[in-house]
Protein backbone atom coordinates (compact mmCIF):
# COMPACT_ATOMS: atom_id res chain seq x y z
CA MET A 1 -18.83 19.19 4.81
CA SER A 2 -17.89 15.70 3.68
CA GLU A 3 -17.12 12.89 6.07
CA PRO A 4 -13.47 12.28 7.00
CA PRO A 5 -11.59 9.44 5.29
CA GLU A 6 -11.57 6.11 7.09
CA LEU A 7 -9.30 3.09 6.88
CA ILE A 8 -11.21 -0.10 6.08
CA THR A 9 -10.44 -3.64 5.05
CA PRO A 10 -11.58 -4.53 1.53
CA ARG A 11 -15.26 -5.42 1.24
CA ILE A 12 -17.26 -7.17 -1.46
CA ASP A 13 -19.73 -4.27 -1.78
CA PHE A 14 -16.88 -2.10 -3.14
CA ARG A 15 -16.41 -4.23 -6.28
CA GLU A 16 -17.44 -1.60 -8.84
CA GLU A 17 -15.59 1.14 -6.97
CA PHE A 18 -12.42 -0.95 -6.83
CA ILE A 19 -12.65 -1.64 -10.56
CA ALA A 20 -13.01 2.10 -11.19
CA TYR A 21 -10.00 2.71 -8.90
CA CYS A 22 -7.88 0.23 -10.89
CA GLU A 23 -9.08 1.62 -14.22
CA GLU A 24 -7.91 5.07 -13.16
CA PHE A 25 -4.38 3.75 -12.61
CA GLN A 26 -4.56 1.94 -15.94
CA ALA A 27 -5.68 5.14 -17.73
CA ALA A 28 -2.75 6.99 -16.13
CA ASP A 29 -0.42 4.22 -17.43
CA GLU A 30 0.62 3.33 -13.88
CA PRO A 31 0.98 -0.39 -13.11
CA PHE A 32 0.69 -0.01 -9.34
CA VAL A 33 -2.49 -2.04 -9.05
CA HIS A 34 -0.38 -5.13 -9.76
CA GLY A 35 -2.73 -6.81 -12.20
CA GLN A 36 -5.61 -6.69 -9.75
CA LEU A 37 -8.01 -5.22 -12.32
CA ALA A 38 -8.34 -8.54 -14.18
CA ASP A 39 -8.71 -10.41 -10.88
CA ALA A 40 -11.37 -7.95 -9.68
CA ARG A 41 -13.38 -8.32 -12.88
CA ARG A 42 -13.10 -12.12 -12.94
CA ASP A 43 -13.52 -13.03 -9.26
CA PHE A 44 -13.68 -10.14 -6.82
CA ALA A 45 -14.80 -12.36 -3.94
CA GLY A 46 -11.76 -14.56 -4.54
CA LEU A 47 -9.47 -11.52 -4.54
CA ILE A 48 -10.93 -10.38 -1.21
CA GLU A 49 -10.44 -13.90 0.17
CA ARG A 50 -6.79 -13.96 -0.98
CA TRP A 51 -6.14 -10.65 0.75
CA ALA A 52 -7.78 -11.95 3.93
CA GLY A 53 -5.69 -15.12 3.71
CA GLY A 54 -2.50 -13.08 3.32
CA ALA A 55 -3.41 -11.18 6.49
CA LYS A 56 -3.70 -14.50 8.34
CA GLY A 57 -0.65 -16.07 6.71
CA LEU A 58 -2.78 -18.52 4.77
CA ASP A 59 -2.48 -19.46 1.12
CA SER A 60 0.15 -16.84 0.48
CA PRO A 61 0.99 -16.37 -3.18
CA PRO A 62 4.34 -17.44 -4.67
CA ASP A 63 5.95 -14.09 -3.80
CA GLY A 64 5.42 -14.91 -0.12
CA TYR A 65 3.18 -11.93 0.57
CA LEU A 66 1.99 -12.00 4.13
CA GLY A 67 0.21 -8.85 5.06
CA LYS A 68 -3.02 -6.99 5.42
CA THR A 69 -4.63 -4.86 2.73
CA TYR A 70 -6.46 -1.65 3.58
CA TRP A 71 -8.35 1.01 1.69
CA LEU A 72 -8.63 4.66 2.59
CA VAL A 73 -12.26 5.52 1.78
CA ARG A 74 -14.41 8.62 1.93
CA SER A 75 -18.09 8.72 0.95
CA GLY A 76 -17.87 5.31 -0.74
CA ARG A 77 -14.87 6.30 -2.89
CA ILE A 78 -11.53 4.51 -2.59
CA LEU A 79 -8.89 7.23 -2.24
CA ALA A 80 -5.90 4.95 -1.73
CA SER A 81 -4.90 1.37 -1.01
CA ALA A 82 -2.19 0.08 1.28
CA ARG A 83 -0.46 -3.06 2.40
CA LEU A 84 0.99 -3.67 5.83
CA ARG A 85 3.45 -6.56 5.98
CA THR A 86 4.38 -7.65 9.49
CA HIS A 87 6.67 -10.46 8.30
CA LEU A 88 9.04 -9.76 5.43
CA THR A 89 10.44 -12.10 2.82
CA GLU A 90 14.07 -11.56 1.82
CA ARG A 91 12.96 -9.51 -1.18
CA GLN A 92 10.59 -7.37 0.90
CA ALA A 93 13.28 -6.81 3.53
CA TYR A 94 15.55 -5.47 0.80
CA GLU A 95 13.16 -3.39 -1.26
CA ASP A 96 9.46 -3.25 -0.39
CA GLY A 97 9.49 -2.87 3.36
CA HIS A 98 6.62 -3.22 5.78
CA VAL A 99 4.36 -0.66 4.12
CA GLY A 100 3.26 -0.05 0.57
CA TYR A 101 0.60 2.39 -0.57
CA ASP A 102 -0.89 3.79 -3.75
CA VAL A 103 -2.98 6.95 -3.96
CA ARG A 104 -5.56 7.21 -6.71
CA PRO A 105 -4.17 9.53 -9.41
CA SER A 106 -7.07 12.01 -9.15
CA GLU A 107 -6.70 12.17 -5.35
CA ARG A 108 -3.00 13.02 -5.12
CA ASN A 109 -1.62 16.15 -3.47
CA LYS A 110 -4.52 16.28 -1.02
CA GLY A 111 -2.72 14.86 2.03
CA TYR A 112 -4.13 11.34 1.72
CA ALA A 113 -0.74 9.60 1.49
CA SER A 114 0.43 11.25 4.72
CA LEU A 115 -2.81 10.35 6.48
CA LEU A 116 -2.70 6.79 5.16
CA LEU A 117 0.88 6.23 6.29
CA LYS A 118 0.08 7.69 9.72
CA LEU A 119 -2.88 5.29 10.08
CA LEU A 120 -0.78 2.33 8.91
CA LEU A 121 1.92 3.14 11.44
CA GLY A 122 -0.75 2.84 14.14
CA LYS A 123 -1.76 -0.56 12.74
CA ALA A 124 1.92 -1.62 12.68
CA ARG A 125 2.31 -0.57 16.32
CA ASP A 126 -0.86 -2.50 17.22
CA ALA A 127 0.62 -5.55 15.45
CA GLY A 128 3.66 -5.40 17.71
CA LEU A 129 6.24 -3.86 15.39
CA ALA A 130 8.77 -1.50 16.98
CA LYS A 131 9.89 0.02 13.68
CA VAL A 132 8.95 -0.24 10.03
CA LEU A 133 10.86 -0.13 6.79
CA VAL A 134 9.33 2.06 4.08
CA SER A 135 10.84 2.60 0.65
CA CYS A 136 10.12 4.63 -2.46
CA GLN A 137 11.60 5.21 -5.87
CA LYS A 138 14.34 7.84 -5.73
CA ASP A 139 12.56 10.04 -8.29
CA ASN A 140 9.31 9.98 -6.27
CA ARG A 141 10.01 13.04 -4.13
CA ALA A 142 6.37 13.29 -3.07
CA SER A 143 6.54 9.84 -1.48
CA ALA A 144 9.88 10.62 0.17
CA ARG A 145 8.31 13.74 1.72
CA VAL A 146 5.37 11.68 3.02
CA ILE A 147 7.75 9.18 4.62
CA GLU A 148 9.90 11.93 6.15
CA LYS A 149 6.82 13.79 7.43
CA ASN A 150 5.84 10.60 9.27
CA GLY A 151 9.22 10.27 10.97
CA GLY A 152 11.14 8.36 8.31
CA VAL A 153 14.89 8.39 8.77
CA PHE A 154 16.85 7.80 5.57
CA GLU A 155 18.97 4.66 5.72
CA ARG A 156 20.43 4.22 2.24
CA GLU A 157 19.87 4.14 -1.48
CA ILE A 158 19.51 0.78 -3.21
CA VAL A 159 18.97 -0.43 -6.75
CA SER A 160 15.60 -2.07 -7.31
CA ARG A 161 15.88 -5.74 -8.22
CA ASP A 162 12.57 -5.40 -10.05
CA ASN A 163 13.28 -2.50 -12.39
CA GLY A 164 16.93 -1.53 -11.89
CA ARG A 165 16.00 1.97 -10.73
CA PRO A 166 17.34 3.64 -7.60
CA ALA A 167 15.15 3.45 -4.52
CA LEU A 168 15.39 4.97 -1.06
CA ARG A 169 15.02 3.06 2.22
CA TYR A 170 13.71 4.71 5.38
CA TRP A 171 13.09 3.44 8.91
CA ILE A 172 10.33 4.78 11.16
CA ASP A 173 10.48 4.07 14.88
CA LEU A 174 7.11 3.38 16.43
């Protein structure tokens, strides 16, 4: 029996695994790794430092990201990545919410998104949040089910400012 997945903060010894993770999204023609593949290849230590700085509110990038990055890992393999934002910019308060997550294409439909969101909700509670905003694209029914399974209450549909597509906003009380 394999070990259970664990939530970790990004570590330098996962460089090659993270590159493979990003390459899998690239091969699936999914841009959800947000250009991190080039950064990981060029300066992985710097990428890790930027994520750590965002968690502390230091050196935040131009988009104002303040949050902590996590990986869901099992047996040295990154199954999913996630971001927990405890302070939202105006844009994040409209569209992104407190939580964002991406499950590796080959690891989908195995319950990892539900587990990851559950673990992140615990981290959000520990960070002092009373409720979190989580959103997903309207056509991503799998993500909507994950949010609802974790207590998400539908608030409203919006139009993404990034891509013009409909998105759904949910609130989860902690």
